[in-house]
Protein backbone atom coordinates (compact mmCIF):
# COMPACT_ATOMS: atom_id res chain seq x y z
CA MET A 1 169.16 77.48 114.51
CA MET A 2 171.94 79.07 112.77
CA ARG A 3 172.22 82.96 113.07
CA PRO A 4 174.35 84.19 110.29
CA THR A 5 176.61 86.98 111.24
CA LEU A 6 179.48 89.35 109.91
CA THR A 7 182.22 88.51 112.27
CA GLN A 8 185.10 89.80 110.23
CA ILE A 9 186.19 92.67 107.77
CA ARG A 10 189.24 92.92 106.23
CA ILE A 11 190.77 95.05 103.29
CA HIS A 12 193.69 95.22 101.19
CA PRO A 13 194.61 98.80 100.59
CA ILE A 14 197.41 97.83 98.30
CA LYS A 15 196.71 94.61 96.28
CA SER A 16 198.64 91.70 97.44
CA LEU A 17 200.11 93.24 100.30
CA ASP A 18 198.86 92.77 104.00
CA PRO A 19 195.36 93.47 105.23
CA ILE A 20 193.77 96.08 107.75
CA GLU A 21 191.29 94.23 110.14
CA LEU A 22 188.33 96.81 110.54
CA LYS A 23 185.20 96.97 112.78
CA GLU A 24 183.31 98.79 109.86
CA VAL A 25 183.66 99.73 106.46
CA GLU A 26 181.82 101.97 104.03
CA VAL A 27 180.65 100.52 100.70
CA GLY A 28 182.36 102.15 97.76
CA THR A 29 182.20 101.79 93.92
CA GLY A 30 182.77 98.28 92.99
CA SER A 31 184.66 97.06 96.20
CA LEU A 32 184.80 98.00 99.91
CA GLN A 33 186.29 101.39 100.38
CA HIS A 34 189.93 101.42 100.05
CA ASP A 35 190.17 97.85 99.27
CA ARG A 36 192.55 97.20 96.48
CA GLU A 37 192.61 100.86 95.95
CA PHE A 38 196.60 100.66 95.02
CA ALA A 39 198.41 97.92 93.07
CA LEU A 40 201.94 97.59 92.08
CA VAL A 41 202.55 97.09 88.32
CA SER A 42 205.97 96.07 86.69
CA SER A 43 207.44 97.56 83.49
CA ASP A 44 205.40 94.97 81.36
CA GLY A 45 202.12 96.41 82.80
CA ARG A 46 201.38 93.31 84.75
CA PHE A 47 200.26 93.28 88.43
CA VAL A 48 203.16 92.64 90.99
CA ASN A 49 201.27 89.99 93.10
CA GLY A 50 201.38 86.55 94.60
CA LYS A 51 200.69 84.90 91.38
CA ARG A 52 203.90 86.41 89.92
CA THR A 53 206.41 86.33 92.84
CA GLY A 54 206.48 85.22 96.39
CA ARG A 55 208.61 88.50 97.12
CA VAL A 56 205.40 90.13 97.93
CA ASN A 57 204.60 88.03 101.07
CA GLU A 58 208.12 89.05 102.26
CA LEU A 59 207.20 92.72 102.55
CA LYS A 60 205.18 93.89 105.92
CA ALA A 61 202.64 96.50 105.32
CA THR A 62 200.80 98.71 107.66
CA TYR A 63 198.63 101.42 107.08
CA ASP A 64 197.50 104.84 108.61
CA LEU A 65 194.60 105.13 106.09
CA PRO A 66 192.91 108.39 107.34
CA ASN A 67 196.21 109.85 106.42
CA TYR A 68 197.22 107.78 103.45
CA THR A 69 200.28 106.62 104.88
CA VAL A 70 202.04 103.09 104.37
CA HIS A 71 204.69 101.67 106.50
CA LEU A 72 206.93 99.19 104.99
CA GLN A 73 209.40 96.68 106.57
CA PRO A 74 210.90 93.74 105.21
CA ARG A 75 209.92 90.70 107.41
CA THR A 76 213.46 90.18 107.99
CA GLY A 77 213.41 92.99 110.48
CA GLU A 78 215.04 95.99 108.99
CA LYS A 79 214.19 99.71 109.59
CA VAL A 80 210.35 100.69 108.91
CA ASP A 81 209.95 103.52 105.94
CA SER A 82 206.78 105.40 105.67
CA PHE A 83 205.33 106.96 102.49
CA ASP A 84 202.44 109.19 101.73
CA LEU A 85 200.47 107.13 99.12
CA LEU A 86 199.25 110.09 97.42
CA ASN A 87 202.25 112.50 97.63
CA GLU A 88 205.33 110.44 97.75
CA GLN A 89 204.67 108.14 94.91
CA PRO A 90 208.35 108.63 93.25
CA ALA A 91 209.91 107.78 96.68
CA LEU A 92 207.55 104.93 97.24
CA GLU A 93 208.28 103.56 93.70
CA ALA A 94 212.05 104.01 94.31
CA TYR A 95 211.82 101.89 97.46
CA LEU A 96 209.72 99.19 95.76
CA THR A 97 211.92 99.11 92.71
CA THR A 98 214.91 98.33 95.16
CA PHE A 99 212.89 95.68 97.14
CA PHE A 100 211.50 93.90 93.78
CA GLY A 101 214.71 94.24 92.03
CA GLU A 102 212.70 95.53 88.99
CA PRO A 103 211.05 98.89 88.20
CA ILE A 104 207.83 99.12 90.19
CA SER A 105 204.83 101.67 89.34
CA LEU A 106 202.15 102.29 92.03
CA ILE A 107 198.58 102.97 90.26
CA ARG A 108 195.35 103.86 91.85
CA ASN A 109 191.89 103.07 91.07
CA GLN A 110 189.07 103.98 93.35
CA ALA A 111 186.25 102.35 91.24
CA GLY A 112 187.06 98.53 91.89
CA GLN A 113 188.99 98.23 88.75
CA LEU A 114 192.05 96.49 90.57
CA MET A 115 189.92 93.75 91.98
CA ASP A 116 190.58 89.99 90.47
CA ILE A 117 187.33 90.14 88.64
CA PRO A 118 186.47 93.69 88.25
CA ASP A 119 182.76 94.89 87.93
CA VAL A 120 181.66 91.12 88.64
CA SER A 121 183.13 90.59 92.00
CA GLY A 122 183.99 93.33 94.59
CA VAL A 123 184.19 91.24 97.91
CA THR A 124 185.08 87.68 98.79
CA VAL A 125 183.25 86.00 101.68
CA ILE A 126 183.86 82.82 103.64
CA SER A 127 182.67 81.36 107.12
CA GLU A 128 185.03 80.81 109.93
CA ALA A 129 183.57 77.45 110.11
CA SER A 130 184.94 76.74 106.45
CA LEU A 131 188.42 77.79 107.44
CA ARG A 132 188.21 75.59 110.66
CA SER A 133 187.15 72.42 108.37
CA LEU A 134 190.20 73.00 106.25
CA GLN A 135 192.54 73.65 109.10
CA LYS A 136 191.82 70.20 110.55
CA ASP A 137 193.25 68.81 107.47
CA LEU A 138 196.09 71.05 107.14
CA HIS A 139 197.54 70.26 110.53
CA ASP A 140 200.44 72.79 110.52
CA LYS A 141 198.03 75.76 109.62
CA THR A 142 196.78 78.33 112.18
CA LEU A 143 193.62 79.89 111.43
CA GLU A 144 195.19 83.27 110.69
CA ASN A 145 197.72 81.44 108.37
CA LEU A 146 194.81 80.35 106.48
CA ARG A 147 193.08 83.83 106.49
CA LEU A 148 196.14 85.35 105.13
CA ARG A 149 196.50 82.83 102.43
CA PHE A 150 192.74 83.18 101.08
CA ARG A 151 192.33 86.90 101.58
CA ALA A 152 188.74 87.08 102.01
CA ASN A 153 187.02 90.37 102.68
CA ILE A 154 184.25 89.27 104.83
CA GLU A 155 183.90 86.20 107.39
CA PHE A 156 180.65 84.89 108.72
CA GLY A 157 180.24 83.45 112.31
CA GLY A 158 177.14 81.51 113.56
CA VAL A 159 177.08 79.03 110.53
CA GLU A 160 178.05 75.42 109.75
CA ALA A 161 181.34 75.08 107.52
CA PHE A 162 180.79 76.01 103.75
CA TRP A 163 177.42 77.71 104.59
CA GLU A 164 178.60 80.72 102.31
CA GLU A 165 178.30 78.34 99.32
CA ASN A 166 174.49 78.56 99.79
CA LEU A 167 174.97 82.14 98.34
CA ILE A 168 175.57 80.81 94.57
CA GLY A 169 173.33 78.94 92.52
CA LYS A 170 174.12 76.78 89.41
CA PRO A 171 176.47 78.37 86.88
CA GLY A 172 174.71 81.57 85.52
CA ILE A 173 172.51 81.93 88.74
CA GLY A 174 173.43 84.39 91.51
CA ILE A 175 171.88 84.34 95.29
CA ARG A 176 170.86 87.82 96.45
CA PHE A 177 171.51 88.31 100.19
CA SER A 178 171.87 91.19 102.83
CA ILE A 179 174.33 92.05 105.33
CA SER A 180 172.16 94.54 107.55
CA ASN A 181 170.80 96.71 104.92
CA VAL A 182 173.38 95.86 102.28
CA GLU A 183 172.31 94.00 99.51
CA MET A 184 174.68 91.93 97.29
CA VAL A 185 174.66 89.16 95.08
CA GLY A 186 176.82 85.87 95.49
CA VAL A 187 177.97 85.20 92.05
CA SER A 188 180.33 81.90 92.06
CA PRO A 189 182.91 80.18 94.12
CA ARG A 190 186.47 81.39 93.82
CA ALA A 191 188.76 79.20 91.68
CA ARG A 192 192.00 79.17 93.62
CA CYS A 193 195.26 80.00 91.95
CA ASN A 194 199.16 79.34 92.94
CA VAL A 195 198.71 82.03 95.95
CA PRO A 196 197.24 80.14 98.73
CA PRO A 197 199.99 77.41 98.54
CA ARG A 198 202.72 80.18 99.23
CA ASP A 199 203.57 80.83 103.11
CA PRO A 200 202.04 84.36 103.82
CA MET A 201 205.21 85.57 105.76
CA THR A 202 207.94 84.01 103.61
CA GLY A 203 206.33 83.39 99.82
CA ILE A 204 207.91 79.83 100.10
CA THR A 205 205.19 77.30 97.99
CA ASP A 206 203.93 74.34 99.88
CA LYS A 207 204.06 71.78 97.13
CA SER A 208 201.47 69.41 98.99
CA PHE A 209 199.27 72.17 99.75
CA VAL A 210 196.90 71.91 96.72
CA LYS A 211 196.42 68.17 96.98
CA GLN A 212 195.82 68.39 100.70
CA MET A 213 193.24 71.25 100.01
CA MET A 214 191.49 69.34 97.31
CA LYS A 215 191.30 66.20 99.33
CA SER A 216 189.83 67.89 102.19
CA ARG A 217 187.32 70.11 100.10
CA SER A 218 186.08 66.51 98.24
CA ASN A 219 185.73 64.90 101.81
CA SER A 220 183.79 67.84 103.36
CA LEU A 221 181.41 68.73 100.53
CA PRO A 222 177.99 68.98 101.73
CA ALA A 223 175.29 66.77 100.02
CA ASN A 224 173.44 69.27 98.21
CA SER A 225 176.87 71.18 97.27
CA LEU A 226 177.02 72.80 93.82
CA ILE A 227 180.72 73.04 93.82
CA PRO A 228 181.20 70.10 91.38
CA ALA A 229 179.11 72.03 88.90
CA TYR A 230 182.14 74.72 88.83
CA GLY A 231 184.53 71.81 88.08
CA THR A 232 187.54 71.28 90.41
CA PRO A 233 187.20 71.21 94.33
CA TYR A 234 190.12 73.92 94.36
CA GLN A 235 187.83 76.56 95.30
CA LEU A 236 187.19 78.56 98.32
CA THR A 237 185.31 81.69 99.24
CA VAL A 238 182.50 83.12 97.10
CA ASN A 239 182.70 85.81 94.66
CA VAL A 240 180.07 88.62 95.72
CA HIS A 241 179.04 91.66 93.51
CA LEU A 242 178.43 94.96 95.04
CA PRO A 243 175.68 96.93 93.18
CA GLU A 244 176.30 100.42 92.54
CA SER A 245 172.94 101.24 94.35
CA GLN A 246 174.75 100.04 97.59
CA ARG A 247 177.44 102.60 97.63
CA GLY A 248 177.69 104.75 100.75
CA LYS A 249 176.28 102.10 103.00
CA TRP A 250 178.23 100.62 105.87
CA LEU A 251 178.94 97.03 106.93
CA ARG A 252 179.63 96.66 110.80
CA ILE A 253 180.71 93.73 112.80
CA GLY A 254 177.83 91.88 114.26
CA ASP A 255 175.56 92.90 111.32
CA PRO A 256 172.99 90.06 110.51
CA VAL A 257 173.22 88.18 107.09
CA LYS A 258 169.82 87.17 105.16
CA THR A 259 169.30 85.35 102.07
CA ILE A 260 166.91 86.74 99.77
CA GLY A 261 166.69 84.63 96.51
CA PRO A 262 167.87 83.72 93.22
CA ILE A 263 168.85 86.12 90.28
CA ASP A 264 169.76 85.68 86.76
CA LEU A 265 173.30 86.79 86.22
CA SER A 266 172.97 87.39 82.74
CA GLY A 267 170.60 90.26 83.59
CA LEU A 268 172.77 91.56 86.06
CA PHE A 269 175.93 92.23 84.40
CA GLU A 270 174.32 93.14 80.86
């Protein structure tokens, strides 16, 4: 008997940079607290992210979140520079401008608007079994390497591969579910872009990655999978909506996961 359980929580305080692994996290507005709270923006107003440049993978970031401090270091091993995210923005932007070789600004939003699909998806979920299924076909990739490539917030244990795709319905239909007392809605599978093929440490693109992943996904789709209804098999993780009513609740490692039932998404986002 499967016992779906929350086994891992990760947030990315600065969009596109390294994650933090947590044992518990508060639900914020439109996202998990502090997830993608900050982002790097170029002079043309676009995000500086993995879709645009592999250079983001070359910058190591660690955090002291209670003090809003980020520690940055090129992965080549030079010295660590630390910045107060709230009070040292000019110094941080000067550092980032030098690193990326173009003018960089740091922006902040505490209402989930820096997510890839703001208002619709505030969290992405996956199961460890799904990552292991993919890992078998990508022989040179470790489990941690795949976690860094796909950047999911929440990971489930106690389930079979691609169980998380039971949290989506046909296009236009979501699935309500709960993690402990936090209710969420599975919205859609996450169509992948050019970020997962990039090595998370170097930013170098593995040109065989997309083909290998699509073959793996096609060969491992459960008989009742709805993924074909969403087009390409180049999809992994599930987009999840966090209703405003859940703000202030907490998610913790070990929390049970339960499916509640379908919901019409057109009514949810009106």
